[in-house]
Amino acid sequence: SDQRSARWPSHELPAADRQRLPGGGSGVGGEEEGNGGGGVLDGHRSADRWGSADDVQAERGDEWFTGLERNNTTEWFDTNRSGHDEIEDASRRFLTRLAERVGPGEPKVFRLRRDARFAKGLPPYKTGHRAGLLGEDGIVRWVDITSAGLSAAIGQPVWDRGQLGRARTALSDPDVALELSAAFEAAAAVGCRLSDPELKRPLAGLVGDHPAPQLTRHKSLVVRLAPDGDWRRPGAFDRVAEAMAGPSGVVGWLVDHVGGPS
């Protein structure tokens, strides 16, 4: 795939892996459905406000995707299309509001229907909805809605060659690696969870007393956000956006030392 699509997390989420962290090949989307032609959200305030209606759609999303898992057919989807459309509309408003908080970015709403050319033998629809914002700082912020509920994550789920090289150079420096380690600890202290490293062993050639060699096992960095209470209560989407400020140390490290796609 091209670099434009490679920046986004995979949207193929096996049912058994709903609670796993994205960044290691599992995730919830696929193709972009588009949001104004894949344009840029510039932080303008939409007249269509968030509110209890959007929170209700997030809660109904649990039920809607439970139904889809049990009846993954075109006939069921067509009959229940209005529920899917409501979920998508709510997520688009979320992306607009998120841009108001974190700055301009490229929005993306993933298509639910699989491309039959590359999904032979699979059900026609994915069992999770994903919508995200790729910021100008190279950070991806996204939400997932599945039968398990509403979840969110932030980070860089895919590093291209340039990003990987910059990250490894930074992590080879003991002092810089310690900065990231401290940022991880701070994020964990507020309930965030870190993506698992993709490599089995640390990079070779590190200094003997390197303080955090395990960090060099990463080929991407993603933080799964911890909910502030039940995200299905009123104000859910607002709390998601607020939670995205939680791992600020990790985000700052990524911006300073990895940057956006090459």
C-alpha atoms as a PDB file:
ATOM      1  CA  SER A   1       0.000   0.000   0.000  1.00  0.00           C
ATOM      2  CA  ASP A   2       1.082   3.602  -0.468  1.00  0.00           C
ATOM      3  CA  GLN A   3       2.357   5.777   2.351  1.00  0.00           C
ATOM      4  CA  ARG A   4      -0.952   7.640   2.559  1.00  0.00           C
ATOM      5  CA  SER A   5      -2.789   4.488   3.603  1.00  0.00           C
ATOM      6  CA  ALA A   6       0.129   3.008   5.545  1.00  0.00           C
ATOM      7  CA  ARG A   7      -0.112   5.719   8.201  1.00  0.00           C
ATOM      8  CA  TRP A   8      -3.447   4.350   9.397  1.00  0.00           C
ATOM      9  CA  PRO A   9      -4.020   1.316  11.621  1.00  0.00           C
ATOM     10  CA  SER A  10      -5.374  -1.847  10.042  1.00  0.00           C
ATOM     11  CA  HIS A  11      -9.140  -2.136  10.380  1.00  0.00           C
ATOM     12  CA  GLU A  12      -9.446  -5.907  10.194  1.00  0.00           C
ATOM     13  CA  LEU A  13     -10.325  -6.824  13.774  1.00  0.00           C
ATOM     14  CA  PRO A  14     -10.909 -10.500  14.631  1.00  0.00           C
ATOM     15  CA  ALA A  15     -13.660 -10.951  17.193  1.00  0.00           C
ATOM     16  CA  ALA A  16     -11.248 -12.607  19.622  1.00  0.00           C
ATOM     17  CA  ASP A  17      -8.890  -9.636  19.408  1.00  0.00           C
ATOM     18  CA  ARG A  18     -11.275  -6.759  20.109  1.00  0.00           C
ATOM     19  CA  GLN A  19      -9.444  -5.768  23.264  1.00  0.00           C
ATOM     20  CA  ARG A  20      -5.951  -6.155  21.827  1.00  0.00           C
ATOM     21  CA  LEU A  21      -3.905  -3.115  21.041  1.00  0.00           C
ATOM     22  CA  PRO A  22      -3.634  -1.947  17.463  1.00  0.00           C
ATOM     23  CA  GLY A  23      -0.166  -1.575  16.039  1.00  0.00           C
ATOM     24  CA  GLY A  24       0.809  -5.212  15.706  1.00  0.00           C
ATOM     25  CA  GLY A  25      -1.276  -6.149  12.705  1.00  0.00           C
ATOM     26  CA  SER A  26      -4.713  -6.231  14.303  1.00  0.00           C
ATOM     27  CA  GLY A  27      -7.136  -3.373  14.328  1.00  0.00           C
ATOM     28  CA  VAL A  28     -10.819  -2.483  13.634  1.00  0.00           C
ATOM     29  CA  GLY A  29     -11.414  -0.336   9.106  1.00  0.00           C
ATOM     30  CA  GLY A  30     -10.207  -0.911   5.679  1.00  0.00           C
ATOM     31  CA  GLU A  31     -10.854   1.517   2.905  1.00  0.00           C
ATOM     32  CA  GLU A  32     -11.680   5.128   3.568  1.00  0.00           C
ATOM     33  CA  GLU A  33     -15.282   6.028   2.990  1.00  0.00           C
ATOM     34  CA  GLY A  34     -14.316   9.659   2.847  1.00  0.00           C
ATOM     35  CA  ASN A  35     -15.157  12.804   4.739  1.00  0.00           C
ATOM     36  CA  GLY A  36     -15.558  15.690   2.386  1.00  0.00           C
ATOM     37  CA  GLY A  37     -13.379  13.941  -0.170  1.00  0.00           C
ATOM     38  CA  GLY A  38     -10.739  13.063   2.414  1.00  0.00           C
ATOM     39  CA  GLY A  39     -10.189  16.745   3.095  1.00  0.00           C
ATOM     40  CA  VAL A  40      -8.742  18.482   6.136  1.00  0.00           C
ATOM     41  CA  LEU A  41     -10.667  19.385   9.253  1.00  0.00           C
ATOM     42  CA  ASP A  42      -9.500  22.872  10.095  1.00  0.00           C
ATOM     43  CA  GLY A  43     -10.978  23.143  13.554  1.00  0.00           C
ATOM     44  CA  HIS A  44     -14.068  25.160  12.585  1.00  0.00           C
ATOM     45  CA  ARG A  45     -16.992  24.717  14.939  1.00  0.00           C
ATOM     46  CA  SER A  46     -19.751  22.636  13.420  1.00  0.00           C
ATOM     47  CA  ALA A  47     -23.337  23.745  13.860  1.00  0.00           C
ATOM     48  CA  ASP A  48     -24.214  20.100  14.469  1.00  0.00           C
ATOM     49  CA  ARG A  49     -23.298  19.823  18.124  1.00  0.00           C
ATOM     50  CA  TRP A  50     -22.343  16.772  20.080  1.00  0.00           C
ATOM     51  CA  GLY A  51     -24.826  15.802  22.690  1.00  0.00           C
ATOM     52  CA  SER A  52     -26.880  13.025  24.133  1.00  0.00           C
ATOM     53  CA  ALA A  53     -27.968  11.905  20.649  1.00  0.00           C
ATOM     54  CA  ASP A  54     -24.393  10.990  19.721  1.00  0.00           C
ATOM     55  CA  ASP A  55     -23.877   9.250  23.046  1.00  0.00           C
ATOM     56  CA  VAL A  56     -26.982   7.195  22.379  1.00  0.00           C
ATOM     57  CA  GLN A  57     -25.569   6.179  19.004  1.00  0.00           C
ATOM     58  CA  ALA A  58     -22.371   4.993  20.683  1.00  0.00           C
ATOM     59  CA  GLU A  59     -24.427   2.897  23.075  1.00  0.00           C
ATOM     60  CA  ARG A  60     -26.655   1.572  20.305  1.00  0.00           C
ATOM     61  CA  GLY A  61     -23.501   0.686  18.431  1.00  0.00           C
ATOM     62  CA  ASP A  62     -22.930  -2.144  20.920  1.00  0.00           C
ATOM     63  CA  GLU A  63     -26.298  -3.631  20.054  1.00  0.00           C
ATOM     64  CA  TRP A  64     -25.999  -2.949  16.326  1.00  0.00           C
ATOM     65  CA  PHE A  65     -22.655  -4.717  15.981  1.00  0.00           C
ATOM     66  CA  THR A  66     -23.860  -7.618  18.132  1.00  0.00           C
ATOM     67  CA  GLY A  67     -26.638  -8.028  15.584  1.00  0.00           C
ATOM     68  CA  LEU A  68     -24.170  -7.840  12.705  1.00  0.00           C
ATOM     69  CA  GLU A  69     -21.962 -10.510  14.268  1.00  0.00           C
ATOM     70  CA  ARG A  70     -24.949 -12.831  14.442  1.00  0.00           C
ATOM     71  CA  ASN A  71     -26.283 -11.948  10.989  1.00  0.00           C
ATOM     72  CA  ASN A  72     -23.339 -10.925   8.813  1.00  0.00           C
ATOM     73  CA  THR A  73     -25.264 -10.809   5.554  1.00  0.00           C
ATOM     74  CA  THR A  74     -26.132  -8.153   2.993  1.00  0.00           C
ATOM     75  CA  GLU A  75     -29.823  -8.706   3.680  1.00  0.00           C
ATOM     76  CA  TRP A  76     -29.478  -7.964   7.407  1.00  0.00           C
ATOM     77  CA  PHE A  77     -27.284  -4.943   6.745  1.00  0.00           C
ATOM     78  CA  ASP A  78     -29.716  -3.451   4.228  1.00  0.00           C
ATOM     79  CA  THR A  79     -32.605  -3.927   6.635  1.00  0.00           C
ATOM     80  CA  ASN A  80     -30.671  -2.280   9.482  1.00  0.00           C
ATOM     81  CA  ARG A  81     -28.698   0.289   7.484  1.00  0.00           C
ATOM     82  CA  SER A  82     -30.146   3.231   9.406  1.00  0.00           C
ATOM     83  CA  GLY A  83     -28.337   2.119  12.571  1.00  0.00           C
ATOM     84  CA  HIS A  84     -25.018   2.031  10.744  1.00  0.00           C
ATOM     85  CA  ASP A  85     -25.648   5.458   9.212  1.00  0.00           C
ATOM     86  CA  GLU A  86     -26.376   6.932  12.637  1.00  0.00           C
ATOM     87  CA  ILE A  87     -23.099   5.545  14.009  1.00  0.00           C
ATOM     88  CA  GLU A  88     -21.175   7.019  11.074  1.00  0.00           C
ATOM     89  CA  ASP A  89     -22.839  10.416  11.448  1.00  0.00           C
ATOM     90  CA  ALA A  90     -21.961  10.493  15.146  1.00  0.00           C
ATOM     91  CA  SER A  91     -18.330   9.602  14.430  1.00  0.00           C
ATOM     92  CA  ARG A  92     -18.047  12.340  11.783  1.00  0.00           C
ATOM     93  CA  ARG A  93     -19.210  14.885  14.313  1.00  0.00           C
ATOM     94  CA  PHE A  94     -16.688  13.450  16.745  1.00  0.00           C
ATOM     95  CA  LEU A  95     -13.864  14.042  14.238  1.00  0.00           C
ATOM     96  CA  THR A  96     -14.961  17.632  13.725  1.00  0.00           C
ATOM     97  CA  ARG A  97     -15.042  18.267  17.474  1.00  0.00           C
ATOM     98  CA  LEU A  98     -11.722  16.484  17.943  1.00  0.00           C
ATOM     99  CA  ALA A  99     -10.093  18.783  15.385  1.00  0.00           C
ATOM    100  CA  GLU A 100     -11.300  21.734  17.444  1.00  0.00           C
ATOM    101  CA  ARG A 101      -9.331  20.388  20.409  1.00  0.00           C
ATOM    102  CA  VAL A 102      -6.147  19.024  18.854  1.00  0.00           C
ATOM    103  CA  GLY A 103      -5.779  21.091  15.676  1.00  0.00           C
ATOM    104  CA  PRO A 104      -6.179  20.495  11.946  1.00  0.00           C
ATOM    105  CA  GLY A 105      -5.945  16.998  10.550  1.00  0.00           C
ATOM    106  CA  GLU A 106      -6.969  14.549   7.877  1.00  0.00           C
ATOM    107  CA  PRO A 107     -10.199  12.758   8.844  1.00  0.00           C
ATOM    108  CA  LYS A 108     -10.958   9.201   7.873  1.00  0.00           C
ATOM    109  CA  VAL A 109     -14.016   7.011   8.280  1.00  0.00           C
ATOM    110  CA  PHE A 110     -13.377   3.394   7.372  1.00  0.00           C
ATOM    111  CA  ARG A 111     -15.743   1.404   5.221  1.00  0.00           C
ATOM    112  CA  LEU A 112     -17.487  -1.474   6.897  1.00  0.00           C
ATOM    113  CA  ARG A 113     -17.981  -3.595   3.797  1.00  0.00           C
ATOM    114  CA  ARG A 114     -15.049  -5.755   2.779  1.00  0.00           C
ATOM    115  CA  ASP A 115     -13.608  -5.649  -0.710  1.00  0.00           C
ATOM    116  CA  ALA A 116     -14.706  -9.007  -2.089  1.00  0.00           C
ATOM    117  CA  ARG A 117     -11.641  -9.135  -4.335  1.00  0.00           C
ATOM    118  CA  PHE A 118      -9.382  -9.536  -1.302  1.00  0.00           C
ATOM    119  CA  ALA A 119     -11.737 -11.207   1.188  1.00  0.00           C
ATOM    120  CA  LYS A 120     -12.731 -14.511  -0.349  1.00  0.00           C
ATOM    121  CA  GLY A 121     -14.398 -16.780   2.165  1.00  0.00           C
ATOM    122  CA  LEU A 122     -14.961 -13.972   4.684  1.00  0.00           C
ATOM    123  CA  PRO A 123     -18.292 -12.426   5.733  1.00  0.00           C
ATOM    124  CA  PRO A 124     -19.206  -9.317   3.739  1.00  0.00           C
ATOM    125  CA  TYR A 125     -18.869  -6.867   6.644  1.00  0.00           C
ATOM    126  CA  LYS A 126     -16.295  -6.111   9.315  1.00  0.00           C
ATOM    127  CA  THR A 127     -17.635  -6.247  12.840  1.00  0.00           C
ATOM    128  CA  GLY A 128     -16.300  -2.906  14.042  1.00  0.00           C
ATOM    129  CA  HIS A 129     -16.492   0.754  13.080  1.00  0.00           C
ATOM    130  CA  ARG A 130     -13.383   2.939  13.075  1.00  0.00           C
ATOM    131  CA  ALA A 131     -12.975   6.676  12.549  1.00  0.00           C
ATOM    132  CA  GLY A 132      -9.820   8.677  13.051  1.00  0.00           C
ATOM    133  CA  LEU A 133      -7.920  11.907  12.602  1.00  0.00           C
ATOM    134  CA  LEU A 134      -4.364  12.076  11.271  1.00  0.00           C
ATOM    135  CA  GLY A 135      -2.946  15.263  12.737  1.00  0.00           C
ATOM    136  CA  GLU A 136      -0.437  17.542  11.084  1.00  0.00           C
ATOM    137  CA  ASP A 137       1.932  16.417  13.844  1.00  0.00           C
ATOM    138  CA  GLY A 138       1.879  12.879  12.423  1.00  0.00           C
ATOM    139  CA  ILE A 139      -0.190  11.520  15.326  1.00  0.00           C
ATOM    140  CA  VAL A 140      -3.239   9.349  14.633  1.00  0.00           C
ATOM    141  CA  ARG A 141      -6.178   9.543  17.033  1.00  0.00           C
ATOM    142  CA  TRP A 142      -9.056   7.117  16.506  1.00  0.00           C
ATOM    143  CA  VAL A 143     -12.138   5.530  18.014  1.00  0.00           C
ATOM    144  CA  ASP A 144     -13.535   2.030  17.573  1.00  0.00           C
ATOM    145  CA  ILE A 145     -17.140   0.954  18.105  1.00  0.00           C
ATOM    146  CA  THR A 146     -17.806  -2.783  18.341  1.00  0.00           C
ATOM    147  CA  SER A 147     -20.136  -5.069  20.261  1.00  0.00           C
ATOM    148  CA  ALA A 148     -17.619  -4.693  23.105  1.00  0.00           C
ATOM    149  CA  GLY A 149     -18.346  -0.954  23.279  1.00  0.00           C
ATOM    150  CA  LEU A 150     -16.478   2.264  22.532  1.00  0.00           C
ATOM    151  CA  SER A 151     -12.692   2.423  22.733  1.00  0.00           C
ATOM    152  CA  ALA A 152      -9.993   4.808  21.570  1.00  0.00           C
ATOM    153  CA  ALA A 153      -6.277   4.970  20.886  1.00  0.00           C
ATOM    154  CA  ILE A 154      -3.584   7.466  19.963  1.00  0.00           C
ATOM    155  CA  GLY A 155      -0.099   7.201  18.508  1.00  0.00           C
ATOM    156  CA  GLN A 156       1.675   6.139  15.334  1.00  0.00           C
ATOM    157  CA  PRO A 157       0.376   2.667  14.415  1.00  0.00           C
ATOM    158  CA  VAL A 158       2.645   2.310  11.386  1.00  0.00           C
ATOM    159  CA  TRP A 159       6.130   3.752  10.971  1.00  0.00           C
ATOM    160  CA  ASP A 160       7.508   4.150   7.482  1.00  0.00           C
ATOM    161  CA  ARG A 161      11.210   3.623   6.854  1.00  0.00           C
ATOM    162  CA  GLY A 162      12.129   7.207   7.706  1.00  0.00           C
ATOM    163  CA  GLN A 163      10.154   7.218  10.943  1.00  0.00           C
ATOM    164  CA  LEU A 164      11.574   3.868  11.983  1.00  0.00           C
ATOM    165  CA  GLY A 165      15.101   5.107  11.377  1.00  0.00           C
ATOM    166  CA  ARG A 166      14.545   8.271  13.411  1.00  0.00           C
ATOM    167  CA  ALA A 167      12.941   6.300  16.234  1.00  0.00           C
ATOM    168  CA  ARG A 168      15.818   3.834  16.412  1.00  0.00           C
ATOM    169  CA  THR A 169      18.382   6.615  16.381  1.00  0.00           C
ATOM    170  CA  ALA A 170      16.564   8.331  19.229  1.00  0.00           C
ATOM    171  CA  LEU A 171      16.083   5.150  21.243  1.00  0.00           C
ATOM    172  CA  SER A 172      19.744   4.264  20.920  1.00  0.00           C
ATOM    173  CA  ASP A 173      20.503   7.364  23.006  1.00  0.00           C
ATOM    174  CA  PRO A 174      20.117   6.339  26.683  1.00  0.00           C
ATOM    175  CA  ASP A 175      18.901   9.769  27.784  1.00  0.00           C
ATOM    176  CA  VAL A 176      16.269  10.004  25.042  1.00  0.00           C
ATOM    177  CA  ALA A 177      15.131   6.451  25.721  1.00  0.00           C
ATOM    178  CA  LEU A 178      14.701   7.333  29.395  1.00  0.00           C
ATOM    179  CA  GLU A 179      12.421  10.225  28.391  1.00  0.00           C
ATOM    180  CA  LEU A 180      10.121   7.806  26.595  1.00  0.00           C
ATOM    181  CA  SER A 181      10.253   5.314  29.436  1.00  0.00           C
ATOM    182  CA  ALA A 182       9.164   8.028  31.874  1.00  0.00           C
ATOM    183  CA  ALA A 183       6.357   9.064  29.507  1.00  0.00           C
ATOM    184  CA  PHE A 184       5.171   5.448  29.356  1.00  0.00           C
ATOM    185  CA  GLU A 185       5.094   5.224  33.142  1.00  0.00           C
ATOM    186  CA  ALA A 186       3.074   8.432  33.381  1.00  0.00           C
ATOM    187  CA  ALA A 187       0.566   7.143  30.813  1.00  0.00           C
ATOM    188  CA  ALA A 188       0.260   3.811  32.630  1.00  0.00           C
ATOM    189  CA  ALA A 189      -0.364   5.656  35.891  1.00  0.00           C
ATOM    190  CA  VAL A 190      -3.625   7.033  34.469  1.00  0.00           C
ATOM    191  CA  GLY A 191      -4.704   3.644  33.136  1.00  0.00           C
ATOM    192  CA  CYS A 192      -3.415   3.784  29.558  1.00  0.00           C
ATOM    193  CA  ARG A 193      -2.030   0.649  27.964  1.00  0.00           C
ATOM    194  CA  LEU A 194       0.878   0.430  25.560  1.00  0.00           C
ATOM    195  CA  SER A 195       1.078  -1.532  22.340  1.00  0.00           C
ATOM    196  CA  ASP A 196       3.188  -4.654  22.420  1.00  0.00           C
ATOM    197  CA  PRO A 197       6.584  -4.491  20.688  1.00  0.00           C
ATOM    198  CA  GLU A 198       6.772  -6.208  17.323  1.00  0.00           C
ATOM    199  CA  LEU A 199      10.352  -7.502  17.581  1.00  0.00           C
ATOM    200  CA  LYS A 200      11.402 -10.402  19.798  1.00  0.00           C
ATOM    201  CA  ARG A 201      14.774  -8.928  20.773  1.00  0.00           C
ATOM    202  CA  PRO A 202      16.233  -5.438  21.290  1.00  0.00           C
ATOM    203  CA  LEU A 203      18.441  -3.942  18.621  1.00  0.00           C
ATOM    204  CA  ALA A 204      22.009  -5.181  18.524  1.00  0.00           C
ATOM    205  CA  GLY A 205      24.864  -2.817  19.271  1.00  0.00           C
ATOM    206  CA  LEU A 206      23.306  -0.879  22.159  1.00  0.00           C
ATOM    207  CA  VAL A 207      25.599   0.362  24.896  1.00  0.00           C
ATOM    208  CA  GLY A 208      26.020  -2.222  27.633  1.00  0.00           C
ATOM    209  CA  ASP A 209      24.282  -0.140  30.292  1.00  0.00           C
ATOM    210  CA  HIS A 210      21.434   1.114  28.081  1.00  0.00           C
ATOM    211  CA  PRO A 211      18.574   1.821  30.524  1.00  0.00           C
ATOM    212  CA  ALA A 212      15.658   0.721  28.320  1.00  0.00           C
ATOM    213  CA  PRO A 213      16.760  -1.736  25.618  1.00  0.00           C
ATOM    214  CA  GLN A 214      13.267  -3.238  25.321  1.00  0.00           C
ATOM    215  CA  LEU A 215      11.970  -0.009  23.796  1.00  0.00           C
ATOM    216  CA  THR A 216      14.021  -0.702  20.674  1.00  0.00           C
ATOM    217  CA  ARG A 217      11.778  -3.700  19.964  1.00  0.00           C
ATOM    218  CA  HIS A 218       9.031  -1.358  18.775  1.00  0.00           C
ATOM    219  CA  LYS A 219       8.284  -0.689  15.109  1.00  0.00           C
ATOM    220  CA  SER A 220       5.349   1.547  16.033  1.00  0.00           C
ATOM    221  CA  LEU A 221       3.922   3.123  19.183  1.00  0.00           C
ATOM    222  CA  VAL A 222       0.270   3.183  20.177  1.00  0.00           C
ATOM    223  CA  VAL A 223      -1.408   3.966  23.485  1.00  0.00           C
ATOM    224  CA  ARG A 224      -4.830   2.481  24.182  1.00  0.00           C
ATOM    225  CA  LEU A 225      -6.698   5.042  26.242  1.00  0.00           C
ATOM    226  CA  ALA A 226      -8.359   4.298  29.549  1.00  0.00           C
ATOM    227  CA  PRO A 227     -12.016   5.356  29.817  1.00  0.00           C
ATOM    228  CA  ASP A 228     -13.001   8.031  32.285  1.00  0.00           C
ATOM    229  CA  GLY A 229     -15.897   6.080  33.710  1.00  0.00           C
ATOM    230  CA  ASP A 230     -18.374   4.443  31.347  1.00  0.00           C
ATOM    231  CA  TRP A 231     -17.947   5.936  27.889  1.00  0.00           C
ATOM    232  CA  ARG A 232     -21.553   5.046  27.153  1.00  0.00           C
ATOM    233  CA  ARG A 233     -22.887   7.572  29.650  1.00  0.00           C
ATOM    234  CA  PRO A 234     -23.878  11.088  28.461  1.00  0.00           C
ATOM    235  CA  GLY A 235     -20.832  13.085  27.426  1.00  0.00           C
ATOM    236  CA  ALA A 236     -19.012   9.988  26.161  1.00  0.00           C
ATOM    237  CA  PHE A 237     -17.463  11.556  23.100  1.00  0.00           C
ATOM    238  CA  ASP A 238     -16.335  14.596  25.089  1.00  0.00           C
ATOM    239  CA  ARG A 239     -14.561  12.320  27.546  1.00  0.00           C
ATOM    240  CA  VAL A 240     -12.902  10.439  24.700  1.00  0.00           C
ATOM    241  CA  ALA A 241     -11.494  13.678  23.317  1.00  0.00           C
ATOM    242  CA  GLU A 242     -10.310  14.705  26.769  1.00  0.00           C
ATOM    243  CA  ALA A 243      -8.687  11.313  27.309  1.00  0.00           C
ATOM    244  CA  MET A 244      -6.663  11.829  24.157  1.00  0.00           C
ATOM    245  CA  ALA A 245      -4.697  14.461  26.056  1.00  0.00           C
ATOM    246  CA  GLY A 246      -3.706  11.846  28.675  1.00  0.00           C
ATOM    247  CA  PRO A 247      -0.573  10.357  27.093  1.00  0.00           C
ATOM    248  CA  SER A 248       0.832  13.805  26.295  1.00  0.00           C
ATOM    249  CA  GLY A 249       4.367  12.755  27.176  1.00  0.00           C
ATOM    250  CA  VAL A 250       4.332   9.897  24.668  1.00  0.00           C
ATOM    251  CA  VAL A 251       2.790  12.122  21.991  1.00  0.00           C
ATOM    252  CA  GLY A 252       5.384  14.840  22.632  1.00  0.00           C
ATOM    253  CA  TRP A 253       8.198  12.304  22.350  1.00  0.00           C
ATOM    254  CA  LEU A 254       6.854  11.014  19.038  1.00  0.00           C
ATOM    255  CA  VAL A 255       6.496  14.540  17.641  1.00  0.00           C
ATOM    256  CA  ASP A 256       9.983  15.558  18.754  1.00  0.00           C
ATOM    257  CA  HIS A 257      11.917  12.441  17.820  1.00  0.00           C
ATOM    258  CA  VAL A 258       9.933  10.552  15.139  1.00  0.00           C
ATOM    259  CA  GLY A 259       7.801  13.104  13.328  1.00  0.00           C
ATOM    260  CA  GLY A 260       5.334  12.486  10.546  1.00  0.00           C
ATOM    261  CA  PRO A 261       5.600  10.155   7.556  1.00  0.00           C
ATOM    262  CA  SER A 262       8.502  10.734   5.213  1.00  0.00           C
END
